[in-house]
Amino acid sequence: MGIWTTGCFQGTLEELKKSIEKTHKDNKFLKDRYYRVIDFILQEAKYDEVGE
């Protein structure tokens, strides 16, 4: 996947993960929520590719 956008962030998936780690390093709840959403999006993208 190319560019990810969330709030004021825009960049690659790796850049997003680095931003999450930096921004929410002291907030496990929000950090975990971001990673759950990322996982959901990636699973949906995989599902769309397969066409099931």
N, C-alpha and C. Protein backbone atom coordinates (compact mmCIF):
# COMPACT_ATOMS: atom_id res chain seq x y z
N MET A 1 0.86 -1.17 0.00
CA MET A 1 0.00 0.00 0.00
C MET A 1 0.90 1.23 0.00
N GLY A 2 0.47 2.24 -0.68
CA GLY A 2 1.28 3.43 -0.86
C GLY A 2 1.25 4.39 0.32
N ILE A 3 0.45 5.42 0.20
CA ILE A 3 0.40 6.49 1.19
C ILE A 3 -0.77 6.28 2.14
N TRP A 4 -0.48 6.41 3.42
CA TRP A 4 -1.49 6.30 4.47
C TRP A 4 -1.75 7.70 5.01
N THR A 5 -3.02 8.01 5.28
CA THR A 5 -3.39 9.31 5.84
C THR A 5 -4.28 9.09 7.05
N THR A 6 -3.92 9.74 8.15
CA THR A 6 -4.75 9.69 9.35
C THR A 6 -4.53 11.00 10.11
N GLY A 7 -5.60 11.72 10.36
CA GLY A 7 -5.45 13.03 11.00
C GLY A 7 -4.54 13.91 10.18
N CYS A 8 -3.49 14.43 10.81
CA CYS A 8 -2.55 15.30 10.09
C CYS A 8 -1.36 14.52 9.54
N PHE A 9 -1.34 13.19 9.71
CA PHE A 9 -0.24 12.38 9.21
C PHE A 9 -0.51 11.93 7.78
N GLN A 10 0.56 11.92 6.97
CA GLN A 10 0.50 11.33 5.63
C GLN A 10 1.88 10.78 5.31
N GLY A 11 1.95 9.49 4.98
CA GLY A 11 3.23 8.86 4.67
C GLY A 11 3.05 7.37 4.45
N THR A 12 4.17 6.66 4.39
CA THR A 12 4.14 5.22 4.17
C THR A 12 3.68 4.51 5.44
N LEU A 13 3.42 3.22 5.30
CA LEU A 13 3.02 2.42 6.45
C LEU A 13 4.12 2.40 7.50
N GLU A 14 5.36 2.25 7.08
CA GLU A 14 6.47 2.25 8.04
C GLU A 14 6.59 3.59 8.75
N GLU A 15 6.41 4.68 8.01
CA GLU A 15 6.46 6.00 8.63
C GLU A 15 5.31 6.17 9.62
N LEU A 16 4.14 5.64 9.27
CA LEU A 16 2.99 5.71 10.18
C LEU A 16 3.29 4.96 11.48
N LYS A 17 3.85 3.77 11.36
CA LYS A 17 4.18 2.99 12.56
C LYS A 17 5.18 3.73 13.43
N LYS A 18 6.18 4.35 12.83
CA LYS A 18 7.17 5.12 13.60
C LYS A 18 6.49 6.30 14.30
N SER A 19 5.57 6.95 13.58
CA SER A 19 4.85 8.08 14.16
C SER A 19 3.98 7.63 15.34
N ILE A 20 3.32 6.50 15.19
CA ILE A 20 2.49 5.96 16.28
C ILE A 20 3.36 5.68 17.50
N GLU A 21 4.49 5.04 17.28
CA GLU A 21 5.39 4.71 18.39
C GLU A 21 5.87 5.97 19.11
N LYS A 22 6.15 7.01 18.35
CA LYS A 22 6.64 8.27 18.94
C LYS A 22 5.51 9.02 19.64
N THR A 23 4.39 9.19 18.93
CA THR A 23 3.29 10.00 19.45
C THR A 23 2.59 9.35 20.63
N HIS A 24 2.44 8.02 20.60
CA HIS A 24 1.66 7.33 21.63
C HIS A 24 2.51 6.39 22.48
N LYS A 25 3.79 6.71 22.61
CA LYS A 25 4.69 5.84 23.37
C LYS A 25 4.23 5.64 24.81
N ASP A 26 3.52 6.62 25.37
CA ASP A 26 3.06 6.52 26.76
C ASP A 26 1.58 6.20 26.87
N ASN A 27 0.94 5.87 25.75
CA ASN A 27 -0.49 5.59 25.77
C ASN A 27 -0.75 4.27 25.05
N LYS A 28 -0.63 3.17 25.78
CA LYS A 28 -0.79 1.83 25.21
C LYS A 28 -2.18 1.66 24.59
N PHE A 29 -3.19 2.24 25.19
CA PHE A 29 -4.55 2.11 24.68
C PHE A 29 -4.66 2.63 23.24
N LEU A 30 -4.19 3.86 23.00
CA LEU A 30 -4.27 4.44 21.65
C LEU A 30 -3.33 3.76 20.68
N LYS A 31 -2.14 3.41 21.15
CA LYS A 31 -1.18 2.72 20.28
C LYS A 31 -1.78 1.40 19.81
N ASP A 32 -2.33 0.63 20.73
CA ASP A 32 -2.95 -0.65 20.37
C ASP A 32 -4.13 -0.45 19.42
N ARG A 33 -4.91 0.60 19.63
CA ARG A 33 -6.05 0.88 18.76
C ARG A 33 -5.58 1.17 17.34
N TYR A 34 -4.55 1.99 17.19
CA TYR A 34 -4.01 2.27 15.85
C TYR A 34 -3.59 0.98 15.16
N TYR A 35 -2.87 0.11 15.88
CA TYR A 35 -2.41 -1.13 15.26
C TYR A 35 -3.56 -2.07 14.90
N ARG A 36 -4.64 -2.06 15.69
CA ARG A 36 -5.81 -2.87 15.33
C ARG A 36 -6.45 -2.34 14.04
N VAL A 37 -6.53 -1.04 13.90
CA VAL A 37 -7.10 -0.44 12.70
C VAL A 37 -6.22 -0.74 11.49
N ILE A 38 -4.91 -0.63 11.65
CA ILE A 38 -3.99 -0.96 10.55
C ILE A 38 -4.19 -2.41 10.13
N ASP A 39 -4.24 -3.31 11.09
CA ASP A 39 -4.44 -4.73 10.78
C ASP A 39 -5.76 -4.95 10.04
N PHE A 40 -6.81 -4.27 10.48
CA PHE A 40 -8.11 -4.39 9.82
C PHE A 40 -8.02 -3.93 8.36
N ILE A 41 -7.42 -2.78 8.14
CA ILE A 41 -7.30 -2.24 6.78
C ILE A 41 -6.50 -3.20 5.89
N LEU A 42 -5.41 -3.73 6.41
CA LEU A 42 -4.58 -4.65 5.62
C LEU A 42 -5.35 -5.93 5.30
N GLN A 43 -6.13 -6.44 6.25
CA GLN A 43 -6.93 -7.63 6.00
C GLN A 43 -8.00 -7.36 4.95
N GLU A 44 -8.64 -6.20 5.02
CA GLU A 44 -9.66 -5.85 4.04
C GLU A 44 -9.04 -5.69 2.66
N ALA A 45 -7.86 -5.10 2.57
CA ALA A 45 -7.18 -4.94 1.28
C ALA A 45 -6.84 -6.30 0.70
N LYS A 46 -6.40 -7.22 1.55
CA LYS A 46 -6.09 -8.58 1.09
C LYS A 46 -7.35 -9.26 0.59
N TYR A 47 -8.43 -9.09 1.32
CA TYR A 47 -9.73 -9.66 0.94
C TYR A 47 -10.17 -9.13 -0.42
N ASP A 48 -10.00 -7.83 -0.64
CA ASP A 48 -10.39 -7.22 -1.92
C ASP A 48 -9.54 -7.76 -3.07
N GLU A 49 -8.26 -8.03 -2.83
CA GLU A 49 -7.39 -8.55 -3.86
C GLU A 49 -7.81 -9.95 -4.31
N VAL A 50 -8.26 -10.75 -3.36
CA VAL A 50 -8.65 -12.11 -3.64
C VAL A 50 -10.03 -12.13 -4.30
N GLY A 51 -10.87 -11.16 -3.97
CA GLY A 51 -12.19 -11.07 -4.56
C GLY A 51 -13.19 -12.01 -3.96
N GLU A 52 -12.97 -12.41 -2.72
CA GLU A 52 -13.90 -13.34 -2.07
C GLU A 52 -15.00 -12.58 -1.40
